[in-house]
């Protein structure tokens, strides 16, 4: 079944027998193709005893198939002049490559075999690689604190677990359990083939039918995100580590991926801490010199989301930095975002949209992600129109709902928990207690 109705110009979507979806965007002015094979499975689909298997499996896709060893795979991609990589998130896994358009058939064949036919020949050596990655991650407190925050906000729910997983699980999980996870998840409607560049849609569809659909139609996958999140009390979570700075995040539940208010939230986030003219950047860094890195961000999942702020600052500055952030949260909810500030934030969001979609890789990723999660594929003009339609009342309503300090959990990686909890007082007396 092929559809072009309701899709942007140049975009076509076909669903194959067995549920595999193929989405392409033709970009005739380029000589390359970006190809992504997307699977709707990630860390939130894992049970505790599987923590990290999605990410580990992503690594193992490169280690060998029946036809090719890991070295041969890398040599083949190099011989095609291609760049290739993979990524795992809480709700998806993707394997992707970018290459000259003349190599589309060969690159597709190789990527599909890697995705659907791993033979796990070098599991033990790759365990060590991932364990080193986990160890490296533990030494990066500015990254680690965001997972500490996810745990504080979502608790024991799978959204609270980190994508990279548990060292204990990675060190011990046997190949049959990894293979069973692959067999259960890499099937049918879980898979989206996305491509953008100098291509013909029917050519990509035929390649998908030949290389992906036969395997993908051979099983029934577990439900997506079966465990719903029903909320929890805000809490503070501390990860003790001797560091030069205290890395602090504040966060609260946000909105899900399909919520049309995501355009207004993007504007609100840009004004609050998501740009170099934002309130947090101006007040914490530029005026007071309390931090090098400070800002805000949002995350959206299938049924939930998160709004968050981050600051990394020395011990002597933690209290003042959080006082400023707490005050800015209060002013955001009291006064909203209006006038020139609102217009500047909207232009910032529109600029990021346009600049972010000026490559085949970005176009492929947008199409693949939106089809994978059932989101509408708006044209660039439609997205810009939705940002332009955001008004001060939209932003104020979101600020009032989402940025209430009473909803915020807190996370810190640092040396002294008492110092952290004392500093939380101006933001949330309940968390400081």
Protein backbone atom coordinates (compact mmCIF):
# COMPACT_ATOMS: atom_id res chain seq x y z
CA UNK A 1 0.00 0.00 0.00
CA UNK A 2 1.49 3.35 -1.10
CA UNK A 3 0.37 6.76 0.07
CA UNK A 4 1.33 10.29 -0.84
CA UNK A 5 -1.83 11.98 0.42
CA UNK A 6 -1.21 14.35 3.30
CA UNK A 7 2.56 14.06 2.92
CA UNK A 8 5.00 16.84 2.03
CA UNK A 9 6.11 17.19 -1.57
CA UNK A 10 8.71 14.56 -2.43
CA UNK A 11 7.75 12.25 0.44
CA UNK A 12 6.16 8.84 -0.21
CA UNK A 13 5.10 6.11 2.19
CA UNK A 14 4.44 2.43 1.49
CA UNK A 15 3.43 -0.33 3.88
CA UNK A 16 4.54 -3.80 2.83
CA UNK A 17 2.86 -7.08 3.58
CA UNK A 18 3.97 -8.03 7.07
CA UNK A 19 3.89 -4.46 8.37
CA UNK A 20 7.25 -3.03 7.32
CA UNK A 21 6.86 0.63 6.36
CA UNK A 22 9.03 2.38 3.78
CA UNK A 23 9.22 6.18 3.73
CA UNK A 24 11.39 8.19 1.35
CA UNK A 25 12.04 11.80 0.51
CA UNK A 26 13.40 12.55 -2.94
CA UNK A 27 16.10 15.26 -3.05
CA UNK A 28 17.17 15.32 -6.72
CA UNK A 29 19.71 18.13 -6.23
CA UNK A 30 22.11 15.88 -4.26
CA UNK A 31 24.28 12.93 -5.28
CA UNK A 32 23.98 10.98 -2.03
CA UNK A 33 21.45 8.86 -0.15
CA UNK A 34 20.91 8.59 3.60
CA UNK A 35 19.37 5.24 4.56
CA UNK A 36 18.10 4.28 7.99
CA UNK A 37 16.64 1.02 9.26
CA UNK A 38 14.59 1.85 12.35
CA UNK A 39 13.24 -0.56 14.97
CA UNK A 40 10.71 0.46 17.59
CA UNK A 41 12.49 -0.99 20.57
CA UNK A 42 14.76 0.56 23.16
CA UNK A 43 15.63 0.61 26.83
CA UNK A 44 12.04 1.17 28.01
CA UNK A 45 11.11 -2.19 26.45
CA UNK A 46 13.61 -4.08 28.60
CA UNK A 47 12.95 -5.89 31.85
CA UNK A 48 15.41 -5.18 34.70
CA UNK A 49 17.36 -8.34 33.94
CA UNK A 50 17.74 -7.11 30.33
CA UNK A 51 18.93 -3.60 31.19
CA UNK A 52 21.15 -2.47 28.34
CA UNK A 53 20.46 -5.33 25.91
CA UNK A 54 19.04 -2.98 23.24
CA UNK A 55 22.23 -0.92 23.25
CA UNK A 56 24.46 -4.00 23.43
CA UNK A 57 22.59 -5.52 20.49
CA UNK A 58 23.15 -2.32 18.51
CA UNK A 59 26.90 -2.87 18.97
CA UNK A 60 26.66 -6.51 17.95
CA UNK A 61 24.97 -5.66 14.63
CA UNK A 62 28.43 -4.59 13.41
CA UNK A 63 30.29 -7.71 14.56
CA UNK A 64 29.40 -10.15 11.80
CA UNK A 65 26.80 -11.95 9.70
CA UNK A 66 26.80 -15.27 7.86
CA UNK A 67 28.52 -13.66 4.88
CA UNK A 68 30.74 -11.04 6.47
CA UNK A 69 33.03 -10.60 9.45
CA UNK A 70 33.26 -7.32 11.37
CA UNK A 71 36.41 -6.37 9.46
CA UNK A 72 34.78 -7.19 6.13
CA UNK A 73 31.76 -5.06 7.01
CA UNK A 74 33.95 -2.05 7.74
CA UNK A 75 36.00 -2.65 4.57
CA UNK A 76 32.86 -2.90 2.45
CA UNK A 77 31.48 0.39 3.75
CA UNK A 78 34.86 2.07 3.27
CA UNK A 79 34.97 0.70 -0.26
CA UNK A 80 31.61 2.34 -0.92
CA UNK A 81 32.84 5.66 0.45
CA UNK A 82 30.06 5.42 3.03
CA UNK A 83 29.72 6.65 6.57
CA UNK A 84 27.73 4.39 8.88
CA UNK A 85 26.67 4.27 12.50
CA UNK A 86 23.88 3.22 14.84
CA UNK A 87 22.03 4.64 17.82
CA UNK A 88 19.79 3.43 20.63
CA UNK A 89 17.32 5.51 22.60
CA UNK A 90 14.68 4.71 25.19
CA UNK A 91 12.16 3.83 22.48
CA UNK A 92 14.04 3.07 19.28
CA UNK A 93 17.13 1.58 17.67
CA UNK A 94 18.45 2.64 14.28
CA UNK A 95 21.16 1.49 11.91
CA UNK A 96 22.05 4.01 9.23
CA UNK A 97 24.48 4.93 6.48
CA UNK A 98 25.12 7.73 4.01
CA UNK A 99 26.67 6.95 0.63
CA UNK A 100 26.84 7.88 -3.05
CA UNK A 101 23.55 7.27 -4.84
CA UNK A 102 25.19 4.76 -7.21
CA UNK A 103 25.84 2.43 -4.24
CA UNK A 104 22.24 2.30 -2.97
CA UNK A 105 21.58 -1.36 -3.82
CA UNK A 106 24.83 -2.60 -2.28
CA UNK A 107 24.56 -0.49 0.86
CA UNK A 108 20.94 -1.53 1.44
CA UNK A 109 21.82 -5.20 1.09
CA UNK A 110 24.62 -4.88 3.65
CA UNK A 111 22.66 -2.82 6.19
CA UNK A 112 19.69 -5.17 6.02
CA UNK A 113 21.87 -8.23 6.58
CA UNK A 114 23.49 -6.55 9.58
CA UNK A 115 20.10 -5.60 11.04
CA UNK A 116 18.34 -8.91 10.58
CA UNK A 117 21.13 -11.50 10.43
CA UNK A 118 23.72 -10.93 13.17
CA UNK A 119 25.60 -14.11 14.11
CA UNK A 120 27.18 -12.82 17.37
CA UNK A 121 30.71 -14.08 16.63
CA UNK A 122 32.58 -11.61 18.86
CA UNK A 123 30.27 -11.23 21.83
CA UNK A 124 32.85 -11.46 24.60
CA UNK A 125 35.21 -8.88 23.14
CA UNK A 126 32.30 -6.52 22.52
CA UNK A 127 31.12 -7.01 26.12
CA UNK A 128 34.43 -5.50 27.16
CA UNK A 129 33.95 -2.60 24.77
CA UNK A 130 30.52 -1.80 26.21
CA UNK A 131 31.77 -2.22 29.78
CA UNK A 132 34.51 0.29 28.95
CA UNK A 133 31.84 2.59 27.52
CA UNK A 134 29.87 2.33 30.77
CA UNK A 135 33.03 3.04 32.78
CA UNK A 136 33.81 6.04 30.58
CA UNK A 137 30.26 7.28 31.05
CA UNK A 138 30.60 7.03 34.84
CA UNK A 139 33.56 9.41 34.57
CA UNK A 140 31.45 12.05 32.80
CA UNK A 141 29.31 13.61 35.54
CA UNK A 142 27.82 16.21 33.20
CA UNK A 143 26.29 13.31 31.25
CA UNK A 144 25.57 11.00 34.17
CA UNK A 145 23.41 13.56 35.99
CA UNK A 146 20.70 13.41 33.31
CA UNK A 147 20.17 9.71 34.00
CA UNK A 148 20.12 10.42 37.73
CA UNK A 149 17.34 12.90 36.96
CA UNK A 150 15.39 10.36 34.88
CA UNK A 151 15.54 8.00 37.85
CA UNK A 152 14.33 10.76 40.17
CA UNK A 153 11.41 11.67 37.90
CA UNK A 154 10.32 8.21 36.68
CA UNK A 155 11.64 5.95 39.43
CA UNK A 156 11.36 2.22 38.79
CA UNK A 157 9.47 2.70 35.55
CA UNK A 158 11.55 1.72 32.49
CA UNK A 159 11.76 5.39 31.44
CA UNK A 160 13.84 5.89 34.57
CA UNK A 161 16.55 3.50 33.41
CA UNK A 162 19.56 4.61 31.41
CA UNK A 163 19.91 3.45 27.82
CA UNK A 164 23.46 2.21 28.24
CA UNK A 165 22.28 -0.33 30.80
CA UNK A 166 23.80 -2.18 33.72
CA UNK A 167 27.39 -3.43 33.80
CA UNK A 168 26.22 -6.56 35.63
CA UNK A 169 23.73 -7.41 32.87
CA UNK A 170 26.17 -6.72 30.03
CA UNK A 171 28.87 -8.82 31.69
CA UNK A 172 26.63 -11.86 32.06
CA UNK A 173 23.73 -11.92 29.59
CA UNK A 174 24.13 -15.02 27.35
CA UNK A 175 23.89 -15.05 23.58
CA UNK A 176 20.60 -17.03 23.49
CA UNK A 177 18.86 -14.29 25.47
CA UNK A 178 20.28 -11.58 23.22
CA UNK A 179 19.19 -13.55 20.15
CA UNK A 180 15.70 -14.08 21.60
CA UNK A 181 15.33 -10.34 22.20
CA UNK A 182 16.36 -9.72 18.58
CA UNK A 183 13.93 -12.32 17.25
CA UNK A 184 11.05 -10.88 19.26
CA UNK A 185 11.65 -7.22 18.47
CA UNK A 186 13.17 -6.87 15.00
CA UNK A 187 9.97 -7.82 13.17
CA UNK A 188 6.96 -6.62 11.21
CA UNK A 189 5.40 -3.31 12.14
CA UNK A 190 8.35 -2.60 14.44
CA UNK A 191 10.53 -1.79 11.41
CA UNK A 192 10.63 1.36 9.30
CA UNK A 193 12.92 1.80 6.30
CA UNK A 194 13.65 5.50 5.76
CA UNK A 195 15.71 7.08 3.00
CA UNK A 196 16.35 10.57 1.68
CA UNK A 197 18.42 11.82 -1.21
CA UNK A 198 18.79 11.09 -4.91
CA UNK A 199 16.48 8.08 -5.09
CA UNK A 200 13.29 6.63 -6.50
CA UNK A 201 10.69 5.52 -4.00
CA UNK A 202 9.77 2.33 -5.83
CA UNK A 203 13.42 1.33 -5.97
CA UNK A 204 13.73 1.59 -2.16
CA UNK A 205 10.43 -0.27 -1.75
CA UNK A 206 11.68 -3.12 -3.92
CA UNK A 207 14.93 -3.32 -1.94
CA UNK A 208 12.93 -3.41 1.30
CA UNK A 209 10.65 -6.11 -0.07
CA UNK A 210 13.68 -8.17 -1.09
CA UNK A 211 15.93 -7.72 1.93
CA UNK A 212 13.74 -6.77 4.92
CA UNK A 213 10.14 -7.89 4.56
CA UNK A 214 10.64 -11.70 4.46
CA UNK A 215 12.38 -11.79 7.84
CA UNK A 216 10.30 -9.01 9.34
CA UNK A 217 7.00 -10.73 8.69
CA UNK A 218 7.94 -13.83 10.63
CA UNK A 219 6.89 -13.03 14.17
CA UNK A 220 4.70 -11.07 16.56
CA UNK A 221 6.48 -8.46 18.66
CA UNK A 222 5.50 -7.49 22.20
CA UNK A 223 3.40 -4.36 22.61
CA UNK A 224 5.13 -0.99 22.57
CA UNK A 225 5.60 0.68 25.93
CA UNK A 226 3.34 -1.84 27.68
CA UNK A 227 4.07 -0.38 31.10
CA UNK A 228 2.36 2.99 31.41
CA UNK A 229 3.68 5.60 33.82
CA UNK A 230 1.11 6.72 36.35
CA UNK A 231 3.05 9.48 38.09
CA UNK A 232 5.10 9.71 41.29
CA UNK A 233 6.00 12.16 44.01
CA UNK A 234 8.83 14.55 43.24
CA UNK A 235 12.11 13.59 44.90
CA UNK A 236 15.78 14.49 45.08
CA UNK A 237 18.40 11.98 43.97
CA UNK A 238 22.12 12.33 44.72
CA UNK A 239 25.06 10.46 43.14
CA UNK A 240 28.20 10.93 45.18
CA UNK A 241 31.40 11.50 43.23
CA UNK A 242 34.48 13.61 43.85
CA UNK A 243 34.21 16.28 41.17
CA UNK A 244 35.38 19.84 40.67
CA UNK A 245 31.80 20.95 40.01
CA UNK A 246 28.33 20.07 41.22
CA UNK A 247 26.24 18.95 38.27
CA UNK A 248 22.59 19.66 39.04
CA UNK A 249 19.39 18.97 37.11
CA UNK A 250 15.82 19.91 37.93
CA UNK A 251 13.06 18.12 36.03
CA UNK A 252 9.35 17.34 35.93
CA UNK A 253 6.93 15.34 33.77
CA UNK A 254 6.25 17.01 30.43
CA UNK A 255 4.07 16.20 27.42
CA UNK A 256 4.06 13.15 25.10
CA UNK A 257 5.44 13.10 21.59
CA UNK A 258 2.10 13.45 19.81
CA UNK A 259 0.90 16.45 21.83
CA UNK A 260 0.45 19.39 19.44
CA UNK A 261 1.54 21.71 22.25
CA UNK A 262 5.09 20.57 21.51
CA UNK A 263 5.49 23.60 19.24
CA UNK A 264 4.58 25.97 22.06
CA UNK A 265 6.84 24.02 24.41
CA UNK A 266 9.73 24.45 22.00
CA UNK A 267 9.21 28.21 22.09
CA UNK A 268 8.93 28.22 25.87
CA UNK A 269 12.10 26.16 26.26
CA UNK A 270 14.03 28.43 23.89
CA UNK A 271 13.09 31.47 25.95
CA UNK A 272 13.75 29.87 29.32
CA UNK A 273 17.07 28.11 28.80
CA UNK A 274 17.41 26.66 25.31
CA UNK A 275 19.30 29.49 23.60
CA UNK A 276 22.19 31.86 24.27
CA UNK A 277 19.78 34.76 24.81
CA UNK A 278 17.59 32.72 27.16
CA UNK A 279 16.82 33.73 30.72
CA UNK A 280 18.95 31.07 32.35
CA UNK A 281 21.96 31.69 30.13
CA UNK A 282 21.69 35.44 30.66
CA UNK A 283 21.07 35.41 34.42
CA UNK A 284 23.28 32.52 35.52
CA UNK A 285 26.20 32.78 33.12
CA UNK A 286 26.36 36.22 31.53
CA UNK A 287 25.35 38.43 34.47
CA UNK A 288 26.78 36.46 37.40
CA UNK A 289 29.42 34.14 35.95
CA UNK A 290 28.13 31.24 38.04
CA UNK A 291 28.50 28.56 35.37
CA UNK A 292 29.97 27.79 31.99
CA UNK A 293 27.18 25.34 31.11
CA UNK A 294 23.57 26.14 31.97
CA UNK A 295 20.34 25.63 30.10
CA UNK A 296 17.07 23.78 29.71
CA UNK A 297 15.77 20.99 27.51
CA UNK A 298 12.69 18.86 26.88
CA UNK A 299 12.15 15.21 26.05
CA UNK A 300 9.09 13.53 24.56
CA UNK A 301 8.16 9.85 24.61
CA UNK A 302 5.15 7.89 23.37
CA UNK A 303 3.03 8.53 26.46
CA UNK A 304 5.03 10.94 28.59
CA UNK A 305 7.72 13.59 28.50
CA UNK A 306 10.01 15.69 30.66
CA UNK A 307 11.02 19.32 31.06
CA UNK A 308 14.40 19.91 32.65
CA UNK A 309 17.17 22.36 33.47
CA UNK A 310 20.90 21.74 33.97
CA UNK A 311 23.72 23.68 35.58
CA UNK A 312 27.31 22.72 36.31
CA UNK A 313 28.97 24.94 38.90
CA UNK A 314 31.60 24.93 41.64
CA UNK A 315 30.64 24.13 45.22
CA UNK A 316 30.73 27.77 46.36
CA UNK A 317 28.24 28.74 43.65
CA UNK A 318 25.66 25.96 43.94
CA UNK A 319 23.32 27.80 46.31
CA UNK A 320 23.35 31.06 44.38
CA UNK A 321 22.93 29.31 41.02
CA UNK A 322 19.87 27.42 42.25
CA UNK A 323 18.47 30.60 43.84
CA UNK A 324 18.63 32.26 40.43
CA UNK A 325 17.06 29.25 38.68
CA UNK A 326 14.29 29.10 41.29
CA UNK A 327 13.59 32.80 40.87
CA UNK A 328 13.49 32.46 37.07
CA UNK A 329 11.04 29.57 37.36
CA UNK A 330 8.77 31.77 39.46
CA UNK A 331 8.98 34.70 37.06
CA UNK A 332 8.36 32.43 34.09
CA UNK A 333 5.10 31.22 35.61
CA UNK A 334 4.07 34.66 36.84
CA UNK A 335 4.73 36.64 33.67
CA UNK A 336 5.03 34.15 30.85
CA UNK A 337 6.94 35.04 27.69
CA UNK A 338 5.77 38.07 25.73
CA UNK A 339 6.68 40.75 23.25
CA UNK A 340 10.15 40.75 21.73
CA UNK A 341 11.26 37.79 23.86
CA UNK A 342 8.44 35.66 22.47
CA UNK A 343 9.18 36.64 18.88
CA UNK A 344 12.90 36.01 19.34
CA UNK A 345 12.21 32.53 20.76
CA UNK A 346 9.89 31.71 17.85
CA UNK A 347 12.50 32.78 15.30
CA UNK A 348 15.09 30.68 17.14
CA UNK A 349 12.87 27.58 16.94
CA UNK A 350 12.12 28.17 13.26
CA UNK A 351 15.79 28.66 12.49
CA UNK A 352 16.73 25.40 14.16
CA UNK A 353 14.02 23.62 12.18
CA UNK A 354 15.19 24.95 8.84
CA UNK A 355 18.91 24.57 9.44
CA UNK A 356 18.41 21.12 10.94
CA UNK A 357 16.72 19.79 7.81
CA UNK A 358 19.30 20.84 5.23
CA UNK A 359 20.96 17.43 4.90
CA UNK A 360 19.88 14.03 3.65
CA UNK A 361 20.64 12.49 7.05
CA UNK A 362 18.37 14.94 8.85
CA UNK A 363 15.55 14.44 6.36
CA UNK A 364 15.86 10.66 6.62
CA UNK A 365 15.86 10.79 10.43
CA UNK A 366 12.79 13.01 10.59
CA UNK A 367 10.83 10.78 8.21
CA UNK A 368 11.91 7.56 9.91
CA UNK A 369 11.20 8.79 13.42
CA UNK A 370 7.80 10.25 12.58
CA UNK A 371 6.59 7.13 10.78
CA UNK A 372 7.98 4.86 13.50
CA UNK A 373 6.01 6.71 16.19
CA UNK A 374 2.90 7.49 14.17
CA UNK A 375 3.49 11.25 14.02
CA UNK A 376 2.24 13.40 11.15
CA UNK A 377 4.89 14.31 8.60
CA UNK A 378 4.39 18.05 8.26
CA UNK A 379 6.09 20.03 5.53
CA UNK A 380 8.61 22.62 6.62
CA UNK A 381 6.11 25.38 5.87
CA UNK A 382 3.48 23.62 8.00
CA UNK A 383 5.90 23.35 10.92
CA UNK A 384 6.87 27.00 10.62
CA UNK A 385 3.19 27.96 10.54
CA UNK A 386 2.58 26.05 13.76
CA UNK A 387 5.41 27.89 15.46
CA UNK A 388 4.15 31.23 14.13
CA UNK A 389 0.72 30.41 15.58
CA UNK A 390 2.09 30.09 19.12
CA UNK A 391 0.98 33.04 21.22
CA UNK A 392 1.73 34.33 24.70
CA UNK A 393 -1.32 32.60 26.19
CA UNK A 394 -0.19 29.21 24.84
CA UNK A 395 3.23 29.64 26.41
CA UNK A 396 1.82 30.94 29.71
CA UNK A 397 -0.53 27.97 30.04
CA UNK A 398 2.34 25.52 29.55
CA UNK A 399 4.58 27.39 31.98
CA UNK A 400 1.84 27.32 34.59
CA UNK A 401 1.19 23.61 34.10
CA UNK A 402 4.67 22.18 33.62
CA UNK A 403 7.13 24.48 35.40
CA UNK A 404 5.59 24.48 38.87
CA UNK A 405 8.57 24.00 41.26
CA UNK A 406 6.37 21.69 43.37
CA UNK A 407 6.39 19.20 40.47
CA UNK A 408 10.16 19.25 40.05
CA UNK A 409 12.48 16.46 41.06
CA UNK A 410 16.18 17.17 41.44
CA UNK A 411 19.38 15.29 40.69
CA UNK A 412 23.00 15.98 41.46
CA UNK A 413 26.42 14.45 40.85
CA UNK A 414 28.82 15.93 43.35
CA UNK A 415 30.80 15.49 46.52
CA UNK A 416 28.46 16.55 49.36
CA UNK A 417 24.77 15.66 49.49
CA UNK A 418 24.07 18.08 52.34
CA UNK A 419 25.36 21.00 50.30
CA UNK A 420 23.13 19.95 47.42
CA UNK A 421 20.00 19.58 49.54
CA UNK A 422 20.57 22.89 51.29
CA UNK A 423 20.92 24.60 47.91
CA UNK A 424 17.56 23.18 46.82
CA UNK A 425 15.71 25.25 49.43
CA UNK A 426 15.00 28.29 47.21
CA UNK A 427 13.61 26.02 44.47
CA UNK A 428 11.64 23.53 46.55
CA UNK A 429 11.66 23.46 50.37
CA UNK A 430 10.13 19.98 50.22
CA UNK A 431 13.10 18.59 48.29
CA UNK A 432 15.54 20.30 50.63
CA UNK A 433 13.98 18.63 53.66
